[in-house]
Amino acid sequence: QVQLVESGGGTVQAGGSLRLSCVVSRYTSSRYRMAWFRQVPGKEREGIAVMDSDGRTCYADSVRGRFTISKDNAKNTLYLQMNSLKPEDTAMYHCAAEPWVAPVCWVVVVESYRYWGQGTQVTVSS
């Protein structure tokens, strides 16, 4: 069973930075689409960054220019570097994976991802 485990969340002041990690285990396919989502209580899970095995990356307007998604294949780890954090970035952050590359990069429908991590909380204070 594929397992995703996030870490790196915490509390940071506005303007600060955090790097989230998502360790992926027992994933055997060379093809992938991986993403970071975030969710606040009472709201739908929001996709914010996607990357795939074709080398494409794409971002939500709300984080473009501040967040960077990357992957270390040797460590089987997906990252989300978050800079210039704002209080509205406060949320539970989840990584997700799907062993299929879509025709387009921006695929952020929750049902499009088969595997999910439990999440790591990010709190940005003003």
N, C-alpha and C. Protein backbone atom coordinates (compact mmCIF):
# COMPACT_ATOMS: atom_id res chain seq x y z
N GLN A 1 0.83 -1.18 0.00
CA GLN A 1 0.00 0.00 0.00
C GLN A 1 0.88 1.25 0.00
N VAL A 2 0.62 2.15 -0.94
CA VAL A 2 1.38 3.40 -1.00
C VAL A 2 1.09 4.23 0.24
N GLN A 3 2.13 4.83 0.77
CA GLN A 3 1.98 5.64 1.97
C GLN A 3 2.63 7.00 1.75
N LEU A 4 1.94 8.07 2.16
CA LEU A 4 2.47 9.42 2.09
C LEU A 4 2.45 10.00 3.50
N VAL A 5 3.58 10.54 3.93
CA VAL A 5 3.67 11.11 5.27
C VAL A 5 4.26 12.51 5.19
N GLU A 6 3.45 13.50 5.60
CA GLU A 6 3.89 14.89 5.58
C GLU A 6 4.57 15.29 6.88
N SER A 7 5.43 16.30 6.78
CA SER A 7 6.05 16.90 7.96
C SER A 7 6.49 18.31 7.59
N GLY A 8 6.91 19.06 8.60
CA GLY A 8 7.46 20.39 8.36
C GLY A 8 6.53 21.54 8.69
N GLY A 9 5.30 21.22 9.06
CA GLY A 9 4.38 22.28 9.44
C GLY A 9 4.77 22.91 10.77
N GLY A 10 4.08 23.98 11.11
CA GLY A 10 4.35 24.66 12.36
C GLY A 10 3.74 26.05 12.37
N THR A 11 4.16 26.85 13.33
CA THR A 11 3.68 28.22 13.45
C THR A 11 4.79 29.18 13.07
N VAL A 12 4.46 30.13 12.23
CA VAL A 12 5.45 31.10 11.74
C VAL A 12 4.79 32.46 11.63
N GLN A 13 5.57 33.50 11.78
CA GLN A 13 5.05 34.85 11.61
C GLN A 13 4.87 35.19 10.14
N ALA A 14 3.96 36.09 9.87
CA ALA A 14 3.74 36.56 8.50
C ALA A 14 5.06 37.06 7.92
N GLY A 15 5.29 36.69 6.66
CA GLY A 15 6.54 37.03 5.99
C GLY A 15 7.60 35.96 6.11
N GLY A 16 7.37 34.99 6.98
CA GLY A 16 8.34 33.92 7.17
C GLY A 16 8.23 32.82 6.15
N SER A 17 9.02 31.76 6.36
CA SER A 17 9.09 30.64 5.42
C SER A 17 8.98 29.31 6.15
N LEU A 18 8.48 28.32 5.44
CA LEU A 18 8.47 26.94 5.90
C LEU A 18 8.70 26.05 4.70
N ARG A 19 9.27 24.87 4.95
CA ARG A 19 9.36 23.86 3.89
C ARG A 19 8.67 22.60 4.37
N LEU A 20 7.66 22.20 3.63
CA LEU A 20 6.94 20.97 3.93
C LEU A 20 7.57 19.82 3.15
N SER A 21 7.56 18.65 3.77
CA SER A 21 8.06 17.43 3.13
C SER A 21 6.97 16.38 3.10
N CYS A 22 7.02 15.55 2.09
CA CYS A 22 6.07 14.43 1.96
C CYS A 22 6.88 13.21 1.49
N VAL A 23 7.10 12.30 2.42
CA VAL A 23 7.85 11.08 2.09
C VAL A 23 6.89 10.06 1.51
N VAL A 24 7.25 9.54 0.35
CA VAL A 24 6.41 8.58 -0.36
C VAL A 24 7.05 7.21 -0.28
N SER A 25 6.29 6.23 0.16
CA SER A 25 6.83 4.88 0.25
C SER A 25 5.94 3.90 -0.51
N ARG A 26 6.58 2.82 -1.00
CA ARG A 26 5.91 1.73 -1.71
C ARG A 26 5.21 2.22 -2.98
N TYR A 27 5.74 3.25 -3.60
CA TYR A 27 5.21 3.74 -4.88
C TYR A 27 6.13 3.24 -5.97
N THR A 28 5.64 2.37 -6.84
CA THR A 28 6.51 1.69 -7.81
C THR A 28 6.44 2.23 -9.23
N SER A 29 5.44 3.05 -9.53
CA SER A 29 5.30 3.54 -10.90
C SER A 29 6.29 4.67 -11.17
N SER A 30 6.82 4.71 -12.40
CA SER A 30 7.71 5.80 -12.80
C SER A 30 6.91 7.01 -13.25
N ARG A 31 5.64 6.83 -13.46
CA ARG A 31 4.79 7.93 -13.87
C ARG A 31 4.03 8.43 -12.64
N TYR A 32 3.92 9.73 -12.53
CA TYR A 32 3.21 10.25 -11.37
C TYR A 32 2.71 11.66 -11.63
N ARG A 33 1.70 12.00 -10.89
CA ARG A 33 1.24 13.38 -10.73
C ARG A 33 1.08 13.56 -9.22
N MET A 34 1.78 14.55 -8.70
CA MET A 34 1.76 14.79 -7.26
C MET A 34 1.37 16.23 -7.00
N ALA A 35 0.73 16.44 -5.87
CA ALA A 35 0.19 17.77 -5.60
C ALA A 35 0.18 18.06 -4.11
N TRP A 36 0.13 19.34 -3.82
CA TRP A 36 -0.15 19.82 -2.47
C TRP A 36 -1.53 20.48 -2.46
N PHE A 37 -2.31 20.10 -1.47
CA PHE A 37 -3.60 20.70 -1.22
C PHE A 37 -3.58 21.32 0.17
N ARG A 38 -4.52 22.19 0.44
CA ARG A 38 -4.68 22.71 1.79
C ARG A 38 -6.17 22.86 2.11
N GLN A 39 -6.46 22.82 3.38
CA GLN A 39 -7.86 22.87 3.80
C GLN A 39 -7.99 23.55 5.15
N VAL A 40 -8.96 24.44 5.24
CA VAL A 40 -9.31 25.04 6.50
C VAL A 40 -10.67 24.51 6.90
N PRO A 41 -10.97 24.46 8.19
CA PRO A 41 -12.26 23.92 8.64
C PRO A 41 -13.43 24.64 7.99
N GLY A 42 -14.38 23.84 7.52
CA GLY A 42 -15.57 24.39 6.92
C GLY A 42 -15.45 24.74 5.45
N LYS A 43 -14.27 24.55 4.87
CA LYS A 43 -14.06 24.85 3.45
C LYS A 43 -13.58 23.62 2.71
N GLU A 44 -13.73 23.66 1.40
CA GLU A 44 -13.28 22.54 0.57
C GLU A 44 -11.76 22.51 0.49
N ARG A 45 -11.24 21.32 0.24
CA ARG A 45 -9.80 21.17 0.06
C ARG A 45 -9.39 21.86 -1.24
N GLU A 46 -8.35 22.67 -1.15
CA GLU A 46 -7.92 23.52 -2.27
C GLU A 46 -6.57 23.05 -2.80
N GLY A 47 -6.49 22.78 -4.08
CA GLY A 47 -5.21 22.44 -4.70
C GLY A 47 -4.39 23.68 -4.91
N ILE A 48 -3.10 23.63 -4.54
CA ILE A 48 -2.26 24.82 -4.67
C ILE A 48 -1.02 24.61 -5.53
N ALA A 49 -0.55 23.37 -5.69
CA ALA A 49 0.64 23.14 -6.50
C ALA A 49 0.64 21.71 -7.01
N VAL A 50 1.03 21.55 -8.26
CA VAL A 50 1.04 20.24 -8.92
C VAL A 50 2.35 20.08 -9.68
N MET A 51 2.88 18.85 -9.64
CA MET A 51 3.97 18.52 -10.55
C MET A 51 3.80 17.11 -11.05
N ASP A 52 4.35 16.82 -12.24
CA ASP A 52 4.21 15.48 -12.78
C ASP A 52 5.53 14.97 -13.32
N SER A 53 5.54 13.71 -13.70
CA SER A 53 6.77 13.06 -14.15
C SER A 53 7.21 13.53 -15.53
N ASP A 54 6.38 14.34 -16.20
CA ASP A 54 6.80 14.98 -17.46
C ASP A 54 7.54 16.28 -17.20
N GLY A 55 7.72 16.64 -15.92
CA GLY A 55 8.48 17.82 -15.58
C GLY A 55 7.68 19.10 -15.46
N ARG A 56 6.39 19.01 -15.55
CA ARG A 56 5.55 20.21 -15.47
C ARG A 56 5.25 20.55 -14.03
N THR A 57 5.20 21.83 -13.74
CA THR A 57 4.73 22.33 -12.45
C THR A 57 3.72 23.44 -12.71
N CYS A 58 2.76 23.55 -11.82
CA CYS A 58 1.77 24.62 -11.95
C CYS A 58 1.24 24.95 -10.56
N TYR A 59 0.72 26.18 -10.44
CA TYR A 59 0.35 26.71 -9.14
C TYR A 59 -0.97 27.46 -9.18
N ALA A 60 -1.61 27.50 -8.02
CA ALA A 60 -2.77 28.36 -7.86
C ALA A 60 -2.30 29.82 -7.86
N ASP A 61 -3.18 30.70 -8.31
CA ASP A 61 -2.84 32.13 -8.34
C ASP A 61 -2.46 32.64 -6.95
N SER A 62 -3.10 32.08 -5.93
CA SER A 62 -2.90 32.58 -4.57
C SER A 62 -1.49 32.30 -4.03
N VAL A 63 -0.76 31.36 -4.64
CA VAL A 63 0.57 31.01 -4.12
C VAL A 63 1.68 31.17 -5.16
N ARG A 64 1.31 31.42 -6.41
CA ARG A 64 2.33 31.52 -7.46
C ARG A 64 3.31 32.64 -7.14
N GLY A 65 4.60 32.34 -7.26
CA GLY A 65 5.64 33.32 -6.95
C GLY A 65 6.10 33.27 -5.51
N ARG A 66 5.34 32.60 -4.65
CA ARG A 66 5.72 32.47 -3.23
C ARG A 66 6.05 31.03 -2.86
N PHE A 67 5.36 30.08 -3.46
CA PHE A 67 5.54 28.66 -3.14
C PHE A 67 6.22 27.96 -4.31
N THR A 68 7.03 26.93 -3.98
CA THR A 68 7.69 26.13 -5.00
C THR A 68 7.55 24.66 -4.67
N ILE A 69 7.05 23.88 -5.62
CA ILE A 69 6.93 22.44 -5.46
C ILE A 69 8.14 21.78 -6.13
N SER A 70 8.69 20.77 -5.46
CA SER A 70 9.83 20.07 -6.03
C SER A 70 9.85 18.64 -5.51
N LYS A 71 10.71 17.83 -6.11
CA LYS A 71 10.76 16.41 -5.71
C LYS A 71 12.20 15.93 -5.77
N ASP A 72 12.60 15.21 -4.74
CA ASP A 72 13.91 14.54 -4.70
C ASP A 72 13.66 13.07 -4.92
N ASN A 73 13.94 12.60 -6.13
CA ASN A 73 13.63 11.21 -6.46
C ASN A 73 14.48 10.23 -5.64
N ALA A 74 15.69 10.61 -5.33
CA ALA A 74 16.56 9.72 -4.56
C ALA A 74 16.03 9.49 -3.15
N LYS A 75 15.35 10.52 -2.63
CA LYS A 75 14.80 10.42 -1.27
C LYS A 75 13.31 10.10 -1.27
N ASN A 76 12.73 9.95 -2.47
CA ASN A 76 11.28 9.68 -2.57
C ASN A 76 10.48 10.70 -1.77
N THR A 77 10.86 11.95 -1.89
CA THR A 77 10.25 13.00 -1.09
C THR A 77 9.79 14.17 -1.97
N LEU A 78 8.58 14.59 -1.74
CA LEU A 78 8.01 15.77 -2.37
C LEU A 78 8.12 16.93 -1.38
N TYR A 79 8.44 18.12 -1.89
CA TYR A 79 8.60 19.29 -1.04
C TYR A 79 7.66 20.41 -1.47
N LEU A 80 7.37 21.29 -0.51
CA LEU A 80 6.70 22.55 -0.82
C LEU A 80 7.43 23.63 -0.04
N GLN A 81 8.21 24.43 -0.75
CA GLN A 81 8.87 25.57 -0.14
C GLN A 81 7.90 26.74 -0.13
N MET A 82 7.63 27.27 1.06
CA MET A 82 6.66 28.34 1.19
C MET A 82 7.35 29.58 1.74
N ASN A 83 7.38 30.63 0.94
CA ASN A 83 8.00 31.89 1.34
C ASN A 83 6.95 32.99 1.42
N SER A 84 7.31 34.09 2.08
CA SER A 84 6.40 35.25 2.20
C SER A 84 5.02 34.81 2.67
N LEU A 85 5.00 34.02 3.71
CA LEU A 85 3.73 33.46 4.19
C LEU A 85 2.82 34.55 4.71
N LYS A 86 1.52 34.32 4.51
CA LYS A 86 0.48 35.25 4.92
C LYS A 86 -0.48 34.54 5.88
N PRO A 87 -1.18 35.28 6.73
CA PRO A 87 -2.15 34.63 7.63
C PRO A 87 -3.17 33.78 6.89
N GLU A 88 -3.53 34.18 5.68
CA GLU A 88 -4.51 33.39 4.90
C GLU A 88 -3.94 32.08 4.38
N ASP A 89 -2.65 31.84 4.56
CA ASP A 89 -2.06 30.55 4.21
C ASP A 89 -2.26 29.52 5.32
N THR A 90 -2.80 29.95 6.46
CA THR A 90 -3.05 29.03 7.57
C THR A 90 -4.03 27.95 7.15
N ALA A 91 -3.63 26.68 7.30
CA ALA A 91 -4.44 25.55 6.85
C ALA A 91 -3.74 24.25 7.22
N MET A 92 -4.46 23.15 7.04
CA MET A 92 -3.86 21.83 7.06
C MET A 92 -3.41 21.53 5.63
N TYR A 93 -2.15 21.16 5.48
CA TYR A 93 -1.59 20.90 4.16
C TYR A 93 -1.43 19.40 3.95
N HIS A 94 -1.91 18.93 2.79
CA HIS A 94 -1.87 17.52 2.44
C HIS A 94 -1.13 17.33 1.13
N CYS A 95 -0.34 16.26 1.04
CA CYS A 95 0.19 15.88 -0.27
C CYS A 95 -0.66 14.73 -0.83
N ALA A 96 -0.64 14.64 -2.15
CA ALA A 96 -1.44 13.63 -2.84
C ALA A 96 -0.68 13.12 -4.04
N ALA A 97 -0.98 11.88 -4.44
CA ALA A 97 -0.28 11.27 -5.57
C ALA A 97 -1.23 10.44 -6.40
N GLU A 98 -0.93 10.39 -7.69
CA GLU A 98 -1.74 9.61 -8.63
C GLU A 98 -0.80 9.06 -9.71
N PRO A 99 -0.82 7.75 -9.97
CA PRO A 99 0.09 7.16 -10.96
C PRO A 99 -0.37 7.32 -12.39
N TRP A 100 -0.76 8.51 -12.77
CA TRP A 100 -1.22 8.79 -14.13
C TRP A 100 -0.97 10.26 -14.43
N VAL A 101 -0.40 10.52 -15.59
CA VAL A 101 -0.11 11.90 -15.99
C VAL A 101 -1.23 12.39 -16.88
N ALA A 102 -1.86 13.49 -16.49
CA ALA A 102 -2.97 14.05 -17.24
C ALA A 102 -2.46 14.84 -18.44
N PRO A 103 -3.32 15.11 -19.42
CA PRO A 103 -2.91 15.93 -20.58
C PRO A 103 -2.52 17.35 -20.20
N VAL A 104 -3.07 17.83 -19.08
CA VAL A 104 -2.72 19.17 -18.61
C VAL A 104 -2.14 19.07 -17.22
N CYS A 105 -1.41 20.11 -16.82
CA CYS A 105 -0.78 20.10 -15.50
C CYS A 105 -1.78 20.33 -14.37
N TRP A 106 -2.65 21.33 -14.56
CA TRP A 106 -3.49 21.80 -13.47
C TRP A 106 -4.68 20.86 -13.24
N VAL A 107 -4.44 19.82 -12.46
CA VAL A 107 -5.48 18.87 -12.08
C VAL A 107 -5.58 18.93 -10.56
N VAL A 108 -6.64 19.55 -10.05
CA VAL A 108 -6.76 19.75 -8.60
C VAL A 108 -8.12 19.28 -8.09
N VAL A 109 -8.73 18.37 -8.82
CA VAL A 109 -9.94 17.74 -8.32
C VAL A 109 -9.53 16.66 -7.33
N VAL A 110 -10.07 16.72 -6.14
CA VAL A 110 -9.66 15.79 -5.08
C VAL A 110 -9.77 14.34 -5.53
N GLU A 111 -10.83 14.03 -6.26
CA GLU A 111 -11.07 12.64 -6.68
C GLU A 111 -10.08 12.16 -7.72
N SER A 112 -9.25 13.07 -8.24
CA SER A 112 -8.25 12.70 -9.25
C SER A 112 -6.97 12.14 -8.64
N TYR A 113 -6.92 12.09 -7.31
CA TYR A 113 -5.73 11.59 -6.62
C TYR A 113 -6.10 10.38 -5.78
N ARG A 114 -5.34 9.33 -6.00
CA ARG A 114 -5.65 8.07 -5.33
C ARG A 114 -5.06 7.99 -3.93
N TYR A 115 -3.90 8.61 -3.73
CA TYR A 115 -3.19 8.45 -2.47
C TYR A 115 -3.04 9.81 -1.77
N TRP A 116 -3.24 9.78 -0.45
CA TRP A 116 -3.20 11.01 0.34
C TRP A 116 -2.43 10.80 1.63
N GLY A 117 -1.80 11.87 2.08
CA GLY A 117 -1.22 11.88 3.40
C GLY A 117 -2.20 12.42 4.41
N GLN A 118 -1.84 12.32 5.69
CA GLN A 118 -2.72 12.75 6.77
C GLN A 118 -2.69 14.25 6.98
N GLY A 119 -1.65 14.91 6.54
CA GLY A 119 -1.60 16.36 6.64
C GLY A 119 -0.66 16.88 7.71
N THR A 120 -0.23 18.12 7.53
CA THR A 120 0.59 18.83 8.51
C THR A 120 0.06 20.25 8.62
N GLN A 121 -0.10 20.72 9.85
CA GLN A 121 -0.74 22.01 10.09
C GLN A 121 0.26 23.15 9.93
N VAL A 122 -0.16 24.18 9.21
CA VAL A 122 0.63 25.40 9.06
C VAL A 122 -0.20 26.55 9.61
N THR A 123 0.37 27.29 10.54
CA THR A 123 -0.30 28.45 11.12
C THR A 123 0.58 29.67 10.94
N VAL A 124 0.03 30.71 10.33
CA VAL A 124 0.78 31.94 10.09
C VAL A 124 0.15 33.05 10.93
N SER A 125 0.92 33.60 11.85
CA SER A 125 0.40 34.65 12.72
C SER A 125 0.71 36.02 12.14
N SER A 126 -0.18 36.96 12.40
CA SER A 126 0.00 38.32 11.86
C SER A 126 0.81 39.18 12.81
